Amino acid sequence: MGTILVAYGSKEGQTEKIAGRIAEALASRGHDARTISVADDAAGEAVADADAVLVGSSIHLGAHSKPVYAFVREYRGDIEARPNGFFQVSLSSALDDEDARAEVATYIDEFVEESGWHPERMAAFGGALRYSEYGFLTRMMMKRIAKDSTGDTDASRDYEYTDWDEVESFAADFAEYVESTAGTAAGGAAV
């Protein structure tokens, strides 16, 4: 089995946590799965050493992580040269209504347009409210957002909206995709 890199941009840690869970699921299928922050100086080298790449980004205040955009723009050719995928993490993805689904789709469309990258596999996961990690202004802003979305405004605790079964399912789908491309990925090298 090949090396699969799960690179991520995470502000409060939920995207990092999801990247870790994806890596665990990939490893359970026999892959050498590695996680790395896109801000890590070794991230570019990690892409070059990988047989497949997943990139994850959190969404804050309606925008993807700037470091993720920079990472994808810089290494897009290397990412596209191997099986690849993208996942985003947001509160909108935790909601099951038409407006939230439209918002999630808009985030993905904007990411594809602004990055120039067309991932082969994509997913969107519910994130978390980490009131315990927010400064005063961010906490107030997130309470206002939560009031209209999840209703979870008790800032004395944190909330997690990630559907871990959905994360596992995406990881399995991506692993199957990588396995199906063995022998054709990365310039014909076996994955």
N, C-alpha and C. Protein backbone atom coordinates (compact mmCIF):
# COMPACT_ATOMS: atom_id res chain seq x y z
N MET A 1 0.84 -1.18 0.00
CA MET A 1 0.00 0.00 0.00
C MET A 1 0.89 1.25 0.00
N GLY A 2 0.32 2.34 -0.43
CA GLY A 2 1.10 3.56 -0.58
C GLY A 2 1.03 4.51 0.58
N THR A 3 1.79 5.58 0.44
CA THR A 3 1.80 6.65 1.43
C THR A 3 0.74 7.67 1.06
N ILE A 4 -0.15 7.94 2.00
CA ILE A 4 -1.19 8.94 1.78
C ILE A 4 -0.96 10.08 2.76
N LEU A 5 -0.81 11.28 2.22
CA LEU A 5 -0.62 12.46 3.03
C LEU A 5 -1.97 13.12 3.27
N VAL A 6 -2.23 13.46 4.52
CA VAL A 6 -3.42 14.24 4.87
C VAL A 6 -2.91 15.57 5.41
N ALA A 7 -2.92 16.58 4.55
CA ALA A 7 -2.46 17.92 4.92
C ALA A 7 -3.67 18.75 5.32
N TYR A 8 -3.52 19.61 6.31
CA TYR A 8 -4.69 20.34 6.81
C TYR A 8 -4.32 21.74 7.27
N GLY A 9 -5.31 22.60 7.26
CA GLY A 9 -5.23 23.91 7.87
C GLY A 9 -6.30 23.97 8.94
N SER A 10 -5.90 24.18 10.19
CA SER A 10 -6.83 24.12 11.31
C SER A 10 -6.57 25.28 12.26
N LYS A 11 -7.62 25.97 12.64
CA LYS A 11 -7.45 27.11 13.54
C LYS A 11 -7.61 26.71 15.01
N GLU A 12 -8.72 26.04 15.35
CA GLU A 12 -8.93 25.62 16.73
C GLU A 12 -8.72 24.13 16.95
N GLY A 13 -8.43 23.38 15.91
CA GLY A 13 -8.07 21.98 16.09
C GLY A 13 -9.03 20.94 15.57
N GLN A 14 -10.26 21.31 15.18
CA GLN A 14 -11.20 20.29 14.73
C GLN A 14 -10.79 19.70 13.38
N THR A 15 -10.30 20.52 12.48
CA THR A 15 -9.85 20.00 11.18
C THR A 15 -8.64 19.09 11.38
N GLU A 16 -7.76 19.46 12.28
CA GLU A 16 -6.62 18.60 12.61
C GLU A 16 -7.10 17.26 13.19
N LYS A 17 -8.09 17.32 14.06
CA LYS A 17 -8.65 16.10 14.66
C LYS A 17 -9.27 15.21 13.58
N ILE A 18 -9.98 15.81 12.64
CA ILE A 18 -10.58 15.05 11.54
C ILE A 18 -9.49 14.45 10.66
N ALA A 19 -8.46 15.22 10.36
CA ALA A 19 -7.33 14.71 9.56
C ALA A 19 -6.72 13.49 10.25
N GLY A 20 -6.57 13.56 11.56
CA GLY A 20 -6.03 12.43 12.31
C GLY A 20 -6.91 11.20 12.22
N ARG A 21 -8.21 11.40 12.31
CA ARG A 21 -9.15 10.26 12.22
C ARG A 21 -9.10 9.66 10.82
N ILE A 22 -9.01 10.50 9.79
CA ILE A 22 -8.91 9.99 8.42
C ILE A 22 -7.63 9.17 8.28
N ALA A 23 -6.52 9.68 8.81
CA ALA A 23 -5.25 8.95 8.73
C ALA A 23 -5.34 7.61 9.44
N GLU A 24 -6.00 7.56 10.60
CA GLU A 24 -6.18 6.29 11.31
C GLU A 24 -6.98 5.30 10.47
N ALA A 25 -8.04 5.78 9.82
CA ALA A 25 -8.86 4.90 8.99
C ALA A 25 -8.06 4.38 7.79
N LEU A 26 -7.25 5.25 7.21
CA LEU A 26 -6.42 4.82 6.07
C LEU A 26 -5.37 3.81 6.52
N ALA A 27 -4.78 4.05 7.67
CA ALA A 27 -3.77 3.13 8.21
C ALA A 27 -4.38 1.77 8.51
N SER A 28 -5.63 1.76 8.95
CA SER A 28 -6.29 0.48 9.26
C SER A 28 -6.49 -0.36 8.00
N ARG A 29 -6.41 0.27 6.84
CA ARG A 29 -6.51 -0.44 5.56
C ARG A 29 -5.13 -0.79 5.01
N GLY A 30 -4.08 -0.53 5.78
CA GLY A 30 -2.74 -0.91 5.36
C GLY A 30 -1.93 0.19 4.70
N HIS A 31 -2.47 1.39 4.63
CA HIS A 31 -1.74 2.50 4.02
C HIS A 31 -0.82 3.16 5.06
N ASP A 32 0.25 3.73 4.58
CA ASP A 32 1.13 4.55 5.41
C ASP A 32 0.53 5.95 5.35
N ALA A 33 -0.30 6.30 6.32
CA ALA A 33 -1.00 7.58 6.32
C ALA A 33 -0.29 8.54 7.26
N ARG A 34 -0.06 9.75 6.77
CA ARG A 34 0.65 10.76 7.54
C ARG A 34 -0.14 12.06 7.53
N THR A 35 -0.16 12.75 8.65
CA THR A 35 -0.80 14.06 8.71
C THR A 35 0.27 15.14 8.87
N ILE A 36 -0.04 16.31 8.32
CA ILE A 36 0.87 17.45 8.47
C ILE A 36 0.08 18.74 8.29
N SER A 37 0.40 19.73 9.06
CA SER A 37 -0.20 21.05 8.89
C SER A 37 0.38 21.68 7.63
N VAL A 38 -0.46 22.37 6.86
CA VAL A 38 0.03 23.05 5.66
C VAL A 38 1.02 24.14 6.02
N ALA A 39 1.01 24.59 7.27
CA ALA A 39 1.94 25.63 7.72
C ALA A 39 3.32 25.07 8.07
N ASP A 40 3.45 23.75 8.16
CA ASP A 40 4.71 23.11 8.48
C ASP A 40 5.68 23.28 7.31
N ASP A 41 6.91 23.64 7.60
CA ASP A 41 7.91 23.84 6.55
C ASP A 41 8.15 22.58 5.72
N ALA A 42 7.88 21.41 6.29
CA ALA A 42 8.12 20.15 5.59
C ALA A 42 6.92 19.70 4.74
N ALA A 43 5.87 20.50 4.69
CA ALA A 43 4.65 20.08 3.98
C ALA A 43 4.89 19.85 2.48
N GLY A 44 5.66 20.70 1.86
CA GLY A 44 5.94 20.53 0.43
C GLY A 44 6.70 19.25 0.13
N GLU A 45 7.68 18.96 0.95
CA GLU A 45 8.44 17.72 0.79
C GLU A 45 7.54 16.51 1.04
N ALA A 46 6.62 16.65 1.99
CA ALA A 46 5.70 15.55 2.29
C ALA A 46 4.80 15.25 1.09
N VAL A 47 4.39 16.28 0.37
CA VAL A 47 3.58 16.07 -0.84
C VAL A 47 4.39 15.30 -1.87
N ALA A 48 5.63 15.71 -2.08
CA ALA A 48 6.49 15.05 -3.07
C ALA A 48 6.73 13.59 -2.74
N ASP A 49 6.74 13.25 -1.44
CA ASP A 49 6.98 11.88 -1.01
C ASP A 49 5.73 11.01 -0.98
N ALA A 50 4.57 11.62 -1.16
CA ALA A 50 3.30 10.89 -1.03
C ALA A 50 2.85 10.29 -2.36
N ASP A 51 2.09 9.19 -2.24
CA ASP A 51 1.49 8.58 -3.42
C ASP A 51 0.09 9.11 -3.68
N ALA A 52 -0.52 9.70 -2.65
CA ALA A 52 -1.85 10.29 -2.75
C ALA A 52 -1.93 11.41 -1.71
N VAL A 53 -2.78 12.40 -1.97
CA VAL A 53 -2.86 13.56 -1.08
C VAL A 53 -4.31 13.95 -0.82
N LEU A 54 -4.63 14.15 0.45
CA LEU A 54 -5.88 14.76 0.87
C LEU A 54 -5.53 16.09 1.52
N VAL A 55 -6.34 17.10 1.26
CA VAL A 55 -6.14 18.41 1.87
C VAL A 55 -7.43 18.79 2.58
N GLY A 56 -7.31 19.24 3.82
CA GLY A 56 -8.47 19.67 4.59
C GLY A 56 -8.35 21.11 5.03
N SER A 57 -9.48 21.81 5.02
CA SER A 57 -9.49 23.21 5.43
C SER A 57 -10.68 23.50 6.32
N SER A 58 -10.44 24.26 7.34
CA SER A 58 -11.54 24.77 8.15
C SER A 58 -12.09 26.01 7.46
N ILE A 59 -13.32 26.35 7.82
CA ILE A 59 -13.94 27.57 7.33
C ILE A 59 -14.22 28.44 8.55
N HIS A 60 -13.73 29.67 8.49
CA HIS A 60 -13.98 30.63 9.57
C HIS A 60 -14.49 31.91 8.95
N LEU A 61 -15.59 32.40 9.51
CA LEU A 61 -16.19 33.63 9.03
C LEU A 61 -16.40 33.60 7.52
N GLY A 62 -16.86 32.46 7.03
CA GLY A 62 -17.22 32.31 5.63
C GLY A 62 -16.07 32.13 4.66
N ALA A 63 -14.88 31.84 5.15
CA ALA A 63 -13.73 31.70 4.25
C ALA A 63 -12.86 30.51 4.64
N HIS A 64 -12.29 29.87 3.63
CA HIS A 64 -11.33 28.80 3.88
C HIS A 64 -10.03 29.40 4.42
N SER A 65 -9.23 28.53 4.97
CA SER A 65 -7.94 28.90 5.55
C SER A 65 -7.00 29.47 4.47
N LYS A 66 -6.47 30.65 4.72
CA LYS A 66 -5.52 31.26 3.78
C LYS A 66 -4.28 30.40 3.59
N PRO A 67 -3.74 29.80 4.67
CA PRO A 67 -2.58 28.92 4.46
C PRO A 67 -2.90 27.71 3.56
N VAL A 68 -4.14 27.23 3.59
CA VAL A 68 -4.51 26.11 2.71
C VAL A 68 -4.50 26.58 1.26
N TYR A 69 -5.07 27.76 1.00
CA TYR A 69 -5.01 28.31 -0.36
C TYR A 69 -3.57 28.42 -0.84
N ALA A 70 -2.71 28.98 0.00
CA ALA A 70 -1.30 29.15 -0.38
C ALA A 70 -0.65 27.80 -0.66
N PHE A 71 -0.91 26.83 0.19
CA PHE A 71 -0.35 25.48 0.03
C PHE A 71 -0.81 24.87 -1.29
N VAL A 72 -2.09 24.93 -1.56
CA VAL A 72 -2.63 24.32 -2.79
C VAL A 72 -2.10 25.03 -4.02
N ARG A 73 -2.03 26.34 -3.97
CA ARG A 73 -1.49 27.07 -5.13
C ARG A 73 -0.04 26.70 -5.39
N GLU A 74 0.75 26.60 -4.32
CA GLU A 74 2.17 26.29 -4.49
C GLU A 74 2.42 24.86 -4.96
N TYR A 75 1.64 23.91 -4.47
CA TYR A 75 1.92 22.50 -4.76
C TYR A 75 0.84 21.84 -5.64
N ARG A 76 0.03 22.65 -6.28
CA ARG A 76 -1.08 22.10 -7.07
C ARG A 76 -0.64 21.07 -8.10
N GLY A 77 0.43 21.33 -8.81
CA GLY A 77 0.92 20.38 -9.80
C GLY A 77 1.27 19.04 -9.19
N ASP A 78 1.94 19.07 -8.05
CA ASP A 78 2.30 17.82 -7.36
C ASP A 78 1.06 17.12 -6.82
N ILE A 79 0.11 17.88 -6.30
CA ILE A 79 -1.12 17.28 -5.77
C ILE A 79 -1.90 16.62 -6.90
N GLU A 80 -2.03 17.31 -8.02
CA GLU A 80 -2.80 16.79 -9.15
C GLU A 80 -2.14 15.60 -9.83
N ALA A 81 -0.84 15.41 -9.61
CA ALA A 81 -0.11 14.32 -10.24
C ALA A 81 -0.36 12.97 -9.57
N ARG A 82 -1.14 12.97 -8.51
CA ARG A 82 -1.44 11.74 -7.77
C ARG A 82 -2.90 11.76 -7.36
N PRO A 83 -3.45 10.63 -6.96
CA PRO A 83 -4.84 10.64 -6.47
C PRO A 83 -4.97 11.69 -5.36
N ASN A 84 -6.05 12.47 -5.41
CA ASN A 84 -6.17 13.57 -4.46
C ASN A 84 -7.61 13.81 -4.06
N GLY A 85 -7.76 14.51 -2.97
CA GLY A 85 -9.08 14.84 -2.48
C GLY A 85 -9.03 16.02 -1.53
N PHE A 86 -10.20 16.54 -1.21
CA PHE A 86 -10.33 17.73 -0.38
C PHE A 86 -11.50 17.55 0.58
N PHE A 87 -11.32 18.02 1.81
CA PHE A 87 -12.44 18.07 2.74
C PHE A 87 -12.44 19.41 3.45
N GLN A 88 -13.64 19.90 3.71
CA GLN A 88 -13.77 21.15 4.43
C GLN A 88 -14.58 20.92 5.70
N VAL A 89 -14.35 21.78 6.67
CA VAL A 89 -14.97 21.63 7.98
C VAL A 89 -15.63 22.96 8.35
N SER A 90 -16.94 22.90 8.62
CA SER A 90 -17.66 24.13 8.96
C SER A 90 -18.90 23.82 9.80
N LEU A 91 -19.44 24.83 10.43
CA LEU A 91 -20.71 24.67 11.14
C LEU A 91 -21.84 24.41 10.16
N SER A 92 -21.79 25.04 9.00
CA SER A 92 -22.85 24.85 8.00
C SER A 92 -23.00 23.39 7.61
N SER A 93 -21.90 22.67 7.59
CA SER A 93 -21.95 21.25 7.21
C SER A 93 -22.65 20.39 8.26
N ALA A 94 -22.82 20.94 9.45
CA ALA A 94 -23.49 20.19 10.52
C ALA A 94 -25.01 20.32 10.43
N LEU A 95 -25.47 21.27 9.65
CA LEU A 95 -26.90 21.53 9.57
C LEU A 95 -27.52 20.78 8.40
N ASP A 96 -28.73 20.32 8.60
CA ASP A 96 -29.41 19.55 7.55
C ASP A 96 -30.61 20.33 7.04
N ASP A 97 -30.33 21.43 6.38
CA ASP A 97 -31.40 22.17 5.73
C ASP A 97 -30.90 22.70 4.39
N GLU A 98 -31.81 23.12 3.57
CA GLU A 98 -31.49 23.52 2.20
C GLU A 98 -30.52 24.70 2.15
N ASP A 99 -30.73 25.69 3.01
CA ASP A 99 -29.85 26.86 3.01
C ASP A 99 -28.41 26.48 3.39
N ALA A 100 -28.28 25.63 4.40
CA ALA A 100 -26.95 25.20 4.83
C ALA A 100 -26.25 24.40 3.73
N ARG A 101 -26.98 23.50 3.08
CA ARG A 101 -26.38 22.71 1.99
C ARG A 101 -25.93 23.62 0.86
N ALA A 102 -26.73 24.65 0.55
CA ALA A 102 -26.35 25.61 -0.49
C ALA A 102 -25.09 26.37 -0.09
N GLU A 103 -25.01 26.75 1.18
CA GLU A 103 -23.84 27.47 1.67
C GLU A 103 -22.58 26.59 1.57
N VAL A 104 -22.70 25.33 1.95
CA VAL A 104 -21.57 24.39 1.86
C VAL A 104 -21.12 24.24 0.41
N ALA A 105 -22.07 24.10 -0.50
CA ALA A 105 -21.74 23.97 -1.93
C ALA A 105 -21.04 25.24 -2.43
N THR A 106 -21.49 26.39 -1.97
CA THR A 106 -20.86 27.65 -2.36
C THR A 106 -19.42 27.71 -1.87
N TYR A 107 -19.18 27.27 -0.62
CA TYR A 107 -17.82 27.25 -0.10
C TYR A 107 -16.92 26.39 -0.98
N ILE A 108 -17.41 25.22 -1.36
CA ILE A 108 -16.61 24.31 -2.19
C ILE A 108 -16.35 24.94 -3.56
N ASP A 109 -17.40 25.49 -4.17
CA ASP A 109 -17.24 26.14 -5.49
C ASP A 109 -16.22 27.27 -5.43
N GLU A 110 -16.30 28.09 -4.38
CA GLU A 110 -15.35 29.19 -4.22
C GLU A 110 -13.93 28.68 -4.06
N PHE A 111 -13.78 27.61 -3.29
CA PHE A 111 -12.44 27.06 -3.09
C PHE A 111 -11.85 26.58 -4.41
N VAL A 112 -12.64 25.84 -5.17
CA VAL A 112 -12.17 25.32 -6.46
C VAL A 112 -11.80 26.48 -7.39
N GLU A 113 -12.67 27.48 -7.45
CA GLU A 113 -12.42 28.61 -8.35
C GLU A 113 -11.18 29.40 -7.92
N GLU A 114 -11.07 29.71 -6.62
CA GLU A 114 -9.96 30.54 -6.15
C GLU A 114 -8.63 29.80 -6.10
N SER A 115 -8.66 28.49 -5.89
CA SER A 115 -7.40 27.74 -5.82
C SER A 115 -6.95 27.23 -7.18
N GLY A 116 -7.90 27.07 -8.10
CA GLY A 116 -7.57 26.51 -9.41
C GLY A 116 -7.43 25.00 -9.41
N TRP A 117 -7.68 24.38 -8.27
CA TRP A 117 -7.55 22.93 -8.11
C TRP A 117 -8.93 22.30 -8.16
N HIS A 118 -9.03 21.21 -8.90
CA HIS A 118 -10.28 20.45 -9.00
C HIS A 118 -10.06 19.08 -8.37
N PRO A 119 -10.30 18.98 -7.05
CA PRO A 119 -10.05 17.71 -6.35
C PRO A 119 -10.87 16.56 -6.94
N GLU A 120 -10.28 15.38 -6.91
CA GLU A 120 -10.95 14.19 -7.44
C GLU A 120 -12.01 13.64 -6.49
N ARG A 121 -11.84 13.86 -5.20
CA ARG A 121 -12.81 13.44 -4.19
C ARG A 121 -13.00 14.61 -3.23
N MET A 122 -14.24 14.84 -2.80
CA MET A 122 -14.51 15.95 -1.89
C MET A 122 -15.53 15.54 -0.83
N ALA A 123 -15.41 16.18 0.33
CA ALA A 123 -16.36 15.96 1.42
C ALA A 123 -16.45 17.22 2.26
N ALA A 124 -17.56 17.34 2.98
CA ALA A 124 -17.76 18.46 3.90
C ALA A 124 -18.24 17.88 5.23
N PHE A 125 -17.59 18.27 6.31
CA PHE A 125 -17.91 17.74 7.64
C PHE A 125 -18.29 18.87 8.59
N GLY A 126 -19.16 18.54 9.51
CA GLY A 126 -19.50 19.48 10.57
C GLY A 126 -18.28 19.71 11.45
N GLY A 127 -18.15 20.90 11.92
CA GLY A 127 -16.99 21.25 12.74
C GLY A 127 -17.30 21.25 14.22
N ALA A 128 -16.86 22.28 14.89
CA ALA A 128 -17.04 22.38 16.33
C ALA A 128 -17.10 23.84 16.74
N LEU A 129 -17.72 24.09 17.85
CA LEU A 129 -17.65 25.39 18.50
C LEU A 129 -16.73 25.22 19.69
N ARG A 130 -15.61 25.88 19.67
CA ARG A 130 -14.62 25.76 20.74
C ARG A 130 -14.62 27.06 21.56
N TYR A 131 -15.72 27.30 22.24
CA TYR A 131 -15.82 28.52 23.04
C TYR A 131 -14.65 28.67 24.00
N SER A 132 -14.16 27.55 24.52
CA SER A 132 -13.06 27.60 25.49
C SER A 132 -11.77 28.14 24.89
N GLU A 133 -11.66 28.14 23.57
CA GLU A 133 -10.44 28.60 22.91
C GLU A 133 -10.57 29.97 22.28
N TYR A 134 -11.78 30.53 22.26
CA TYR A 134 -12.01 31.82 21.61
C TYR A 134 -11.68 32.96 22.54
N GLY A 135 -11.17 34.04 21.97
CA GLY A 135 -11.04 35.29 22.70
C GLY A 135 -12.43 35.91 22.84
N PHE A 136 -12.51 37.00 23.58
CA PHE A 136 -13.80 37.61 23.87
C PHE A 136 -14.58 37.96 22.60
N LEU A 137 -13.96 38.65 21.66
CA LEU A 137 -14.67 39.08 20.44
C LEU A 137 -15.11 37.90 19.59
N THR A 138 -14.23 36.93 19.43
CA THR A 138 -14.58 35.74 18.63
C THR A 138 -15.70 34.98 19.31
N ARG A 139 -15.64 34.86 20.64
CA ARG A 139 -16.70 34.16 21.37
C ARG A 139 -18.06 34.84 21.13
N MET A 140 -18.09 36.16 21.19
CA MET A 140 -19.35 36.88 20.97
C MET A 140 -19.85 36.70 19.54
N MET A 141 -18.93 36.77 18.59
CA MET A 141 -19.31 36.59 17.18
C MET A 141 -19.82 35.16 16.94
N MET A 142 -19.15 34.17 17.51
CA MET A 142 -19.55 32.78 17.32
C MET A 142 -20.89 32.49 18.01
N LYS A 143 -21.14 33.13 19.14
CA LYS A 143 -22.44 32.97 19.80
C LYS A 143 -23.55 33.50 18.91
N ARG A 144 -23.31 34.62 18.24
CA ARG A 144 -24.31 35.19 17.33
C ARG A 144 -24.55 34.25 16.14
N ILE A 145 -23.47 33.71 15.59
CA ILE A 145 -23.60 32.76 14.47
C ILE A 145 -24.33 31.50 14.94
N ALA A 146 -23.94 30.99 16.10
CA ALA A 146 -24.56 29.77 16.62
C ALA A 146 -26.03 29.97 16.94
N LYS A 147 -26.40 31.15 17.40
CA LYS A 147 -27.81 31.42 17.72
C LYS A 147 -28.69 31.18 16.51
N ASP A 148 -28.21 31.59 15.34
CA ASP A 148 -28.99 31.44 14.11
C ASP A 148 -28.81 30.09 13.43
N SER A 149 -27.80 29.33 13.84
CA SER A 149 -27.55 28.05 13.16
C SER A 149 -27.84 26.86 14.07
N THR A 150 -26.99 26.62 15.04
CA THR A 150 -27.14 25.43 15.88
C THR A 150 -27.95 25.68 17.15
N GLY A 151 -28.00 26.93 17.57
CA GLY A 151 -28.67 27.26 18.82
C GLY A 151 -27.81 27.04 20.05
N ASP A 152 -26.58 26.59 19.86
CA ASP A 152 -25.70 26.27 20.98
C ASP A 152 -24.90 27.51 21.39
N THR A 153 -25.47 28.29 22.31
CA THR A 153 -24.84 29.55 22.70
C THR A 153 -24.28 29.54 24.11
N ASP A 154 -24.32 28.43 24.79
CA ASP A 154 -23.76 28.33 26.14
C ASP A 154 -22.24 28.30 26.01
N ALA A 155 -21.61 29.44 26.24
CA ALA A 155 -20.16 29.57 26.05
C ALA A 155 -19.34 28.95 27.17
N SER A 156 -19.99 28.32 28.13
CA SER A 156 -19.25 27.66 29.21
C SER A 156 -18.81 26.26 28.80
N ARG A 157 -19.18 25.83 27.61
CA ARG A 157 -18.78 24.51 27.13
C ARG A 157 -18.51 24.55 25.63
N ASP A 158 -17.87 23.51 25.12
CA ASP A 158 -17.60 23.36 23.70
C ASP A 158 -18.61 22.39 23.09
N TYR A 159 -18.79 22.48 21.76
CA TYR A 159 -19.73 21.62 21.03
C TYR A 159 -19.01 21.01 19.83
N GLU A 160 -19.24 19.74 19.60
CA GLU A 160 -18.65 19.06 18.44
C GLU A 160 -19.78 18.53 17.56
N TYR A 161 -19.71 18.87 16.26
CA TYR A 161 -20.77 18.49 15.32
C TYR A 161 -20.30 17.50 14.26
N THR A 162 -19.10 17.02 14.36
CA THR A 162 -18.55 16.12 13.35
C THR A 162 -19.24 14.77 13.42
N ASP A 163 -19.70 14.30 12.27
CA ASP A 163 -20.28 12.96 12.14
C ASP A 163 -19.11 12.02 11.83
N TRP A 164 -18.63 11.32 12.86
CA TRP A 164 -17.44 10.50 12.69
C TRP A 164 -17.66 9.32 11.76
N ASP A 165 -18.89 8.82 11.66
CA ASP A 165 -19.18 7.76 10.69
C ASP A 165 -19.01 8.28 9.26
N GLU A 166 -19.41 9.52 9.06
CA GLU A 166 -19.25 10.15 7.74
C GLU A 166 -17.77 10.33 7.41
N VAL A 167 -16.98 10.69 8.40
CA VAL A 167 -15.53 10.84 8.20
C VAL A 167 -14.91 9.49 7.83
N GLU A 168 -15.30 8.45 8.56
CA GLU A 168 -14.79 7.09 8.28
C GLU A 168 -15.20 6.64 6.87
N SER A 169 -16.42 6.95 6.49
CA SER A 169 -16.92 6.57 5.17
C SER A 169 -16.13 7.27 4.06
N PHE A 170 -15.86 8.56 4.25
CA PHE A 170 -15.05 9.30 3.27
C PHE A 170 -13.65 8.71 3.17
N ALA A 171 -13.05 8.40 4.32
CA ALA A 171 -11.71 7.81 4.32
C ALA A 171 -11.70 6.48 3.57
N ALA A 172 -12.72 5.65 3.80
CA ALA A 172 -12.82 4.36 3.11
C ALA A 172 -12.98 4.56 1.61
N ASP A 173 -13.82 5.52 1.23
CA ASP A 173 -14.03 5.80 -0.19
C ASP A 173 -12.72 6.27 -0.84
N PHE A 174 -12.00 7.16 -0.13
CA PHE A 174 -10.75 7.64 -0.69
C PHE A 174 -9.73 6.51 -0.79
N ALA A 175 -9.66 5.66 0.21
CA ALA A 175 -8.74 4.52 0.18
C ALA A 175 -9.06 3.62 -1.01
N GLU A 176 -10.34 3.34 -1.21
CA GLU A 176 -10.74 2.50 -2.36
C GLU A 176 -10.35 3.16 -3.67
N TYR A 177 -10.52 4.47 -3.75
CA TYR A 177 -10.14 5.19 -4.95
C TYR A 177 -8.63 5.07 -5.20
N VAL A 178 -7.84 5.29 -4.16
CA VAL A 178 -6.38 5.19 -4.28
C VAL A 178 -5.99 3.77 -4.69
N GLU A 179 -6.60 2.79 -4.05
CA GLU A 179 -6.30 1.39 -4.36
C GLU A 179 -6.67 1.05 -5.81
N SER A 180 -7.74 1.64 -6.31
CA SER A 180 -8.17 1.35 -7.68
C SER A 180 -7.26 1.99 -8.71
N THR A 181 -6.52 3.02 -8.29
CA THR A 181 -5.61 3.69 -9.23
C THR A 181 -4.18 3.15 -9.13
N ALA A 182 -3.95 2.17 -8.26
CA ALA A 182 -2.60 1.60 -8.12
C ALA A 182 -2.09 1.17 -9.47
N GLY A 183 -0.86 1.56 -9.73
CA GLY A 183 -0.25 1.21 -11.01
C GLY A 183 -0.39 2.32 -12.04
N THR A 184 -1.33 3.25 -11.79
CA THR A 184 -1.48 4.36 -12.74
C THR A 184 -1.17 5.71 -12.08
N ALA A 185 -1.15 5.74 -10.77
CA ALA A 185 -0.91 7.00 -10.07
C ALA A 185 0.58 7.32 -10.04
N ALA A 186 0.87 8.57 -9.81
CA ALA A 186 2.25 9.05 -9.65
C ALA A 186 3.15 8.57 -10.77
N GLY A 187 2.68 8.80 -11.98
CA GLY A 187 3.52 8.48 -13.13
C GLY A 187 3.67 7.00 -13.37
N GLY A 188 2.73 6.20 -12.93
CA GLY A 188 2.77 4.77 -13.21
C GLY A 188 3.34 3.95 -12.07
N ALA A 189 3.81 4.62 -11.02
CA ALA A 189 4.34 3.87 -9.89
C ALA A 189 3.21 3.22 -9.12
N ALA A 190 3.44 2.06 -8.60
CA ALA A 190 2.41 1.38 -7.80
C ALA A 190 2.16 2.17 -6.54
N VAL A 191 0.90 2.27 -6.17
CA VAL A 191 0.53 3.01 -4.97
C VAL A 191 0.40 2.04 -3.82
